[in-house]
Amino acid sequence: MKIKQMVQTMAIAGTLGVAAHAELINVQFGCTLTSGCLGGVQTHQYAGAAVVGSTGDYWNLVDGNTSGPGLGANGAAAPGETLLNSASGAAGLAGNAKVTWTADNMYNSTATNSAFGIASYANQANLANLMDSYLTNENGSRTVSFSALKTNTQYQLIAIAQGNGPIGDHVRVVGFSAVGGSGSTANASLVAGTTTNTFIQNNNYSILNVNSGSTGNIVLTWTKTTADEADLNGIQLSEVTATPEPSSIWLGIGGMATMLGLQRRRRNA
């Protein structure tokens, strides 16, 4: 590559931020059967972007239903299921990442209108499919645990929590704490239950960055911090790959520009 082209490429990179996301795994909490699920309706699997992602992205619909054939158990840790990545539905994040959780109940409000609309089997890209189903925490703290992730790796965890809240019927203040296998921690909180039909940080989602450490595990604790309940619709988990800091990029650009000037002077000499 010519020096001028390298300078231009580095300048573009300097405008793009300091982190890039590799593989993405999406988790949607829902019911695969109507029985045993509060609300009495089956969850419609979502496909597409949420806070991050792209059109058509795959979501792991994991069953929070006590009587369903999938993962769920109200108030008890569910058996691990291998999670698939968003791009291809292939085994993701080292090939065998799994999730378990604790919750009080699983609720599906598909039969009612949420802030994101009404869920639809006919339209997998309808965000209401994701936002109309959620785990509930009605007493203290509950957990969502990821295991068999890549070890000693930085991850971004996006916790999506609004519940249905068609008219802001619940003011759900949720506290989040993520702990990685290295002991690294991250904390965040949000107020859920508003009528917004878009994603707004610290309103209906929180971002936590944590390292998986030598165990390859990350545990998210979600805590009810008001007299009402805490809800959890889904999680987006992605490996964060470091890119050069902007200052380093611009330092490199300065050096390249100097070389380019010297090259021109030699040609003109």
Protein backbone atom coordinates (compact mmCIF):
# COMPACT_ATOMS: atom_id res chain seq x y z
CA MET A 1 0.00 0.00 0.00
CA LYS A 2 1.33 3.49 -0.82
CA ILE A 3 2.10 5.77 2.11
CA LYS A 4 -0.65 8.23 1.13
CA GLN A 5 -3.20 5.41 1.08
CA MET A 6 -2.00 4.18 4.48
CA VAL A 7 -2.39 7.66 5.96
CA GLN A 8 -5.94 7.90 4.60
CA THR A 9 -6.83 4.44 5.96
CA MET A 10 -5.47 5.25 9.41
CA ALA A 11 -7.33 8.56 9.46
CA ILE A 12 -10.59 6.76 8.78
CA ALA A 13 -9.85 4.25 11.55
CA GLY A 14 -9.24 7.11 13.95
CA THR A 15 -12.85 8.23 13.57
CA LEU A 16 -14.35 4.84 14.34
CA GLY A 17 -13.82 4.57 18.10
CA VAL A 18 -11.61 2.30 20.17
CA ALA A 19 -13.46 -1.00 20.31
CA ALA A 20 -14.90 -3.43 17.82
CA HIS A 21 -17.34 -6.27 18.42
CA ALA A 22 -16.71 -9.77 17.20
CA GLU A 23 -19.24 -12.56 17.58
CA LEU A 24 -22.65 -11.70 19.03
CA ILE A 25 -25.00 -13.98 20.98
CA ASN A 26 -28.61 -12.95 21.58
CA VAL A 27 -30.76 -14.46 24.34
CA GLN A 28 -34.55 -14.00 24.40
CA PHE A 29 -36.48 -15.17 27.46
CA GLY A 30 -39.86 -16.67 26.59
CA CYS A 31 -42.36 -19.52 26.74
CA THR A 32 -42.44 -22.39 24.27
CA LEU A 33 -45.80 -23.57 25.65
CA THR A 34 -48.79 -21.60 26.89
CA SER A 35 -49.29 -23.66 30.05
CA GLY A 36 -47.35 -22.65 33.12
CA CYS A 37 -46.57 -19.22 31.69
CA LEU A 38 -48.12 -16.12 33.22
CA GLY A 39 -50.16 -14.45 30.50
CA GLY A 40 -51.08 -17.83 29.02
CA VAL A 41 -49.62 -17.26 25.55
CA GLN A 42 -46.65 -18.63 23.64
CA THR A 43 -43.64 -16.41 22.88
CA HIS A 44 -42.94 -15.42 19.29
CA GLN A 45 -39.24 -15.79 18.47
CA TYR A 46 -37.59 -12.53 17.44
CA ALA A 47 -35.12 -12.09 14.56
CA GLY A 48 -33.16 -8.89 13.96
CA ALA A 49 -31.25 -6.13 15.69
CA ALA A 50 -31.97 -4.80 19.17
CA VAL A 51 -29.54 -2.43 20.88
CA VAL A 52 -26.85 -3.82 18.56
CA GLY A 53 -26.94 -6.25 15.68
CA SER A 54 -28.25 -6.49 12.15
CA THR A 55 -31.40 -7.31 10.22
CA GLY A 56 -32.25 -11.01 10.44
CA ASP A 57 -29.98 -11.76 13.42
CA TYR A 58 -30.73 -15.06 15.16
CA TRP A 59 -32.03 -15.03 18.77
CA ASN A 60 -31.83 -17.98 21.16
CA LEU A 61 -35.38 -18.31 22.52
CA VAL A 62 -34.77 -19.96 25.89
CA ASP A 63 -37.76 -21.25 27.77
CA GLY A 64 -38.63 -19.72 31.12
CA ASN A 65 -41.71 -21.94 31.37
CA THR A 66 -41.82 -24.53 34.18
CA SER A 67 -43.83 -27.03 32.16
CA GLY A 68 -42.26 -26.46 28.74
CA PRO A 69 -39.76 -28.71 26.96
CA GLY A 70 -36.99 -26.13 27.04
CA LEU A 71 -34.75 -24.67 29.70
CA GLY A 72 -36.94 -22.99 32.17
CA ALA A 73 -37.59 -23.36 35.83
CA ASN A 74 -39.28 -20.65 37.85
CA GLY A 75 -37.09 -19.80 40.82
CA ALA A 76 -34.42 -22.41 40.01
CA ALA A 77 -31.39 -22.57 37.78
CA ALA A 78 -32.20 -23.97 34.37
CA PRO A 79 -30.06 -26.63 32.68
CA GLY A 80 -27.46 -25.19 30.32
CA GLU A 81 -28.18 -25.04 26.62
CA THR A 82 -25.56 -24.40 23.95
CA LEU A 83 -26.10 -20.94 22.53
CA LEU A 84 -25.91 -20.10 18.84
CA ASN A 85 -24.46 -16.94 17.37
CA SER A 86 -26.50 -14.20 15.76
CA ALA A 87 -25.00 -14.30 12.28
CA SER A 88 -25.44 -17.91 11.25
CA GLY A 89 -27.16 -19.78 14.05
CA ALA A 90 -23.93 -21.73 14.50
CA ALA A 91 -22.47 -22.65 17.88
CA GLY A 92 -20.93 -19.47 19.20
CA LEU A 93 -18.32 -17.98 21.51
CA ALA A 94 -15.86 -20.88 21.56
CA GLY A 95 -18.55 -23.28 20.35
CA ASN A 96 -20.15 -24.35 23.61
CA ALA A 97 -21.30 -21.27 25.53
CA LYS A 98 -24.26 -21.98 27.81
CA VAL A 99 -26.73 -20.00 29.92
CA THR A 100 -28.60 -20.72 33.16
CA TRP A 101 -30.69 -18.41 35.33
CA THR A 102 -32.90 -17.94 38.34
CA ALA A 103 -36.24 -16.08 38.30
CA ASP A 104 -39.58 -15.99 40.07
CA ASN A 105 -41.81 -16.22 37.00
CA MET A 106 -41.94 -15.98 33.24
CA TYR A 107 -44.51 -13.58 31.81
CA ASN A 108 -45.71 -13.22 28.23
CA SER A 109 -47.91 -10.24 27.37
CA THR A 110 -48.24 -11.11 23.68
CA ALA A 111 -52.03 -10.89 23.91
CA THR A 112 -51.83 -7.24 24.97
CA ASN A 113 -50.33 -4.18 23.38
CA SER A 114 -46.90 -3.26 24.75
CA ALA A 115 -44.89 -0.10 24.17
CA PHE A 116 -43.32 -1.92 21.19
CA GLY A 117 -46.67 -3.07 19.77
CA ILE A 118 -48.22 -6.54 19.50
CA ALA A 119 -46.08 -9.62 18.84
CA SER A 120 -46.63 -11.53 15.61
CA TYR A 121 -45.74 -14.98 14.30
CA ALA A 122 -46.04 -13.58 10.78
CA ASN A 123 -43.36 -10.96 11.37
CA GLN A 124 -40.26 -12.24 13.18
CA ALA A 125 -38.65 -8.80 12.83
CA ASN A 126 -41.29 -7.20 15.07
CA LEU A 127 -39.48 -5.98 18.21
CA ALA A 128 -42.63 -6.67 20.22
CA ASN A 129 -41.73 -10.37 19.90
CA LEU A 130 -38.70 -9.67 22.10
CA MET A 131 -40.16 -7.03 24.39
CA ASP A 132 -43.49 -8.73 25.23
CA SER A 133 -41.90 -11.65 27.15
CA TYR A 134 -39.72 -11.43 30.23
CA LEU A 135 -38.46 -13.07 33.39
CA THR A 136 -39.69 -11.50 36.61
CA ASN A 137 -37.85 -10.93 39.86
CA GLU A 138 -40.25 -10.18 42.68
CA ASN A 139 -37.98 -10.52 45.68
CA GLY A 140 -34.36 -9.46 46.01
CA SER A 141 -31.72 -10.63 43.54
CA ARG A 142 -31.67 -13.23 40.75
CA THR A 143 -28.91 -14.31 38.37
CA VAL A 144 -28.19 -15.13 34.74
CA SER A 145 -24.98 -17.13 34.31
CA PHE A 146 -22.95 -17.67 31.15
CA SER A 147 -20.40 -20.48 31.10
CA ALA A 148 -17.88 -21.99 28.68
CA LEU A 149 -17.06 -18.60 27.15
CA LYS A 150 -13.62 -17.80 25.81
CA THR A 151 -11.26 -17.41 28.74
CA ASN A 152 -9.53 -14.16 29.71
CA THR A 153 -11.64 -12.27 27.21
CA GLN A 154 -13.41 -8.92 27.49
CA TYR A 155 -17.16 -9.06 26.85
CA GLN A 156 -19.90 -6.49 26.50
CA LEU A 157 -23.16 -7.56 28.11
CA ILE A 158 -26.33 -5.62 27.24
CA ALA A 159 -29.22 -6.32 29.61
CA ILE A 160 -32.60 -5.41 28.08
CA ALA A 161 -35.29 -4.81 30.69
CA GLN A 162 -38.60 -3.10 30.14
CA GLY A 163 -41.41 -5.61 30.51
CA ASN A 164 -44.54 -4.79 28.56
CA GLY A 165 -45.46 -1.48 30.23
CA PRO A 166 -48.01 -0.33 27.61
CA ILE A 167 -48.91 2.70 29.71
CA GLY A 168 -45.97 2.74 32.06
CA ASP A 169 -47.95 0.58 34.48
CA HIS A 170 -44.85 -0.40 36.43
CA VAL A 171 -41.89 1.70 37.48
CA ARG A 172 -39.32 -1.05 37.52
CA VAL A 173 -35.96 0.04 38.83
CA VAL A 174 -33.45 -2.70 38.09
CA GLY A 175 -29.92 -2.91 39.45
CA PHE A 176 -27.35 -4.93 37.48
CA SER A 177 -23.98 -6.30 38.52
CA ALA A 178 -21.82 -8.49 36.28
CA VAL A 179 -18.90 -10.51 37.66
CA GLY A 180 -16.39 -12.29 35.45
CA GLY A 181 -14.22 -15.29 36.18
CA SER A 182 -11.30 -12.97 36.82
CA GLY A 183 -13.22 -11.18 39.56
CA SER A 184 -13.72 -8.14 37.33
CA THR A 185 -17.04 -6.41 37.95
CA ALA A 186 -19.35 -3.90 36.30
CA ASN A 187 -22.48 -2.22 37.63
CA ALA A 188 -25.43 -0.36 36.11
CA SER A 189 -29.06 0.44 36.80
CA LEU A 190 -32.13 1.53 34.88
CA VAL A 191 -35.74 2.57 35.28
CA ALA A 192 -37.94 0.36 33.10
CA GLY A 193 -41.63 0.44 32.32
CA THR A 194 -41.88 3.66 30.30
CA THR A 195 -43.87 3.94 27.09
CA THR A 196 -40.85 4.38 24.82
CA ASN A 197 -40.74 2.14 21.75
CA THR A 198 -37.06 2.75 21.08
CA PHE A 199 -33.95 1.62 22.94
CA ILE A 200 -32.61 4.23 25.36
CA GLN A 201 -29.62 3.47 27.56
CA ASN A 202 -30.37 3.41 31.30
CA ASN A 203 -34.08 3.49 30.47
CA ASN A 204 -34.70 0.06 28.96
CA TYR A 205 -31.18 -1.34 28.64
CA SER A 206 -27.85 -1.22 30.47
CA ILE A 207 -24.34 -1.95 29.20
CA LEU A 208 -21.79 -3.80 31.33
CA ASN A 209 -18.23 -4.65 30.31
CA VAL A 210 -16.56 -7.54 32.11
CA ASN A 211 -13.74 -10.04 31.62
CA SER A 212 -14.47 -13.78 31.60
CA GLY A 213 -11.19 -14.58 33.36
CA SER A 214 -9.61 -18.01 33.58
CA THR A 215 -12.95 -19.76 34.19
CA GLY A 216 -14.72 -18.42 31.10
CA ASN A 217 -17.76 -17.53 33.21
CA ILE A 218 -19.81 -14.35 33.59
CA VAL A 219 -22.62 -13.98 36.14
CA LEU A 220 -25.16 -11.18 35.83
CA THR A 221 -27.07 -10.36 39.01
CA TRP A 222 -30.31 -8.42 38.55
CA THR A 223 -31.89 -6.88 41.59
CA LYS A 224 -35.30 -5.45 42.36
CA THR A 225 -34.65 -2.04 43.86
CA THR A 226 -38.23 -0.73 44.26
CA ALA A 227 -41.46 -2.05 45.77
CA ASP A 228 -42.48 -3.35 42.34
CA GLU A 229 -40.75 -6.12 40.36
CA ALA A 230 -37.63 -6.28 38.20
CA ASP A 231 -37.99 -7.67 34.68
CA LEU A 232 -35.51 -9.02 32.14
CA ASN A 233 -36.46 -9.38 28.46
CA GLY A 234 -33.19 -10.47 26.96
CA ILE A 235 -29.40 -10.20 26.80
CA GLN A 236 -26.93 -9.43 24.02
CA LEU A 237 -23.43 -10.74 24.71
CA SER A 238 -20.46 -10.00 22.47
CA GLU A 239 -16.71 -10.36 22.60
CA VAL A 240 -14.96 -6.99 22.49
CA THR A 241 -11.80 -6.83 20.40
CA ALA A 242 -9.42 -3.97 21.06
CA THR A 243 -8.47 -1.53 18.32
CA PRO A 244 -5.77 1.13 18.55
CA GLU A 245 -6.54 4.19 20.65
CA PRO A 246 -7.24 7.30 18.52
CA SER A 247 -4.14 9.01 19.97
CA SER A 248 -1.99 6.12 18.77
CA ILE A 249 -3.60 6.22 15.36
CA TRP A 250 -3.01 9.94 14.95
CA LEU A 251 0.60 9.54 16.13
CA GLY A 252 1.06 6.96 13.40
CA ILE A 253 -0.56 9.27 10.88
CA GLY A 254 1.89 12.02 11.83
CA GLY A 255 4.82 9.68 11.23
CA MET A 256 3.41 8.53 7.91
CA ALA A 257 2.84 12.12 6.82
CA THR A 258 6.47 12.97 7.63
CA MET A 259 7.65 10.03 5.53
CA LEU A 260 5.39 11.14 2.71
CA GLY A 261 6.89 14.65 2.82
CA LEU A 262 10.44 13.27 2.75
CA GLN A 263 9.55 11.05 -0.17
CA ARG A 264 8.22 14.01 -2.13
CA ARG A 265 11.33 16.12 -1.41
CA ARG A 266 13.62 13.34 -2.66
CA ARG A 267 11.64 13.15 -5.91
CA ASN A 268 11.86 16.93 -6.37
CA ALA A 269 15.57 17.11 -5.55
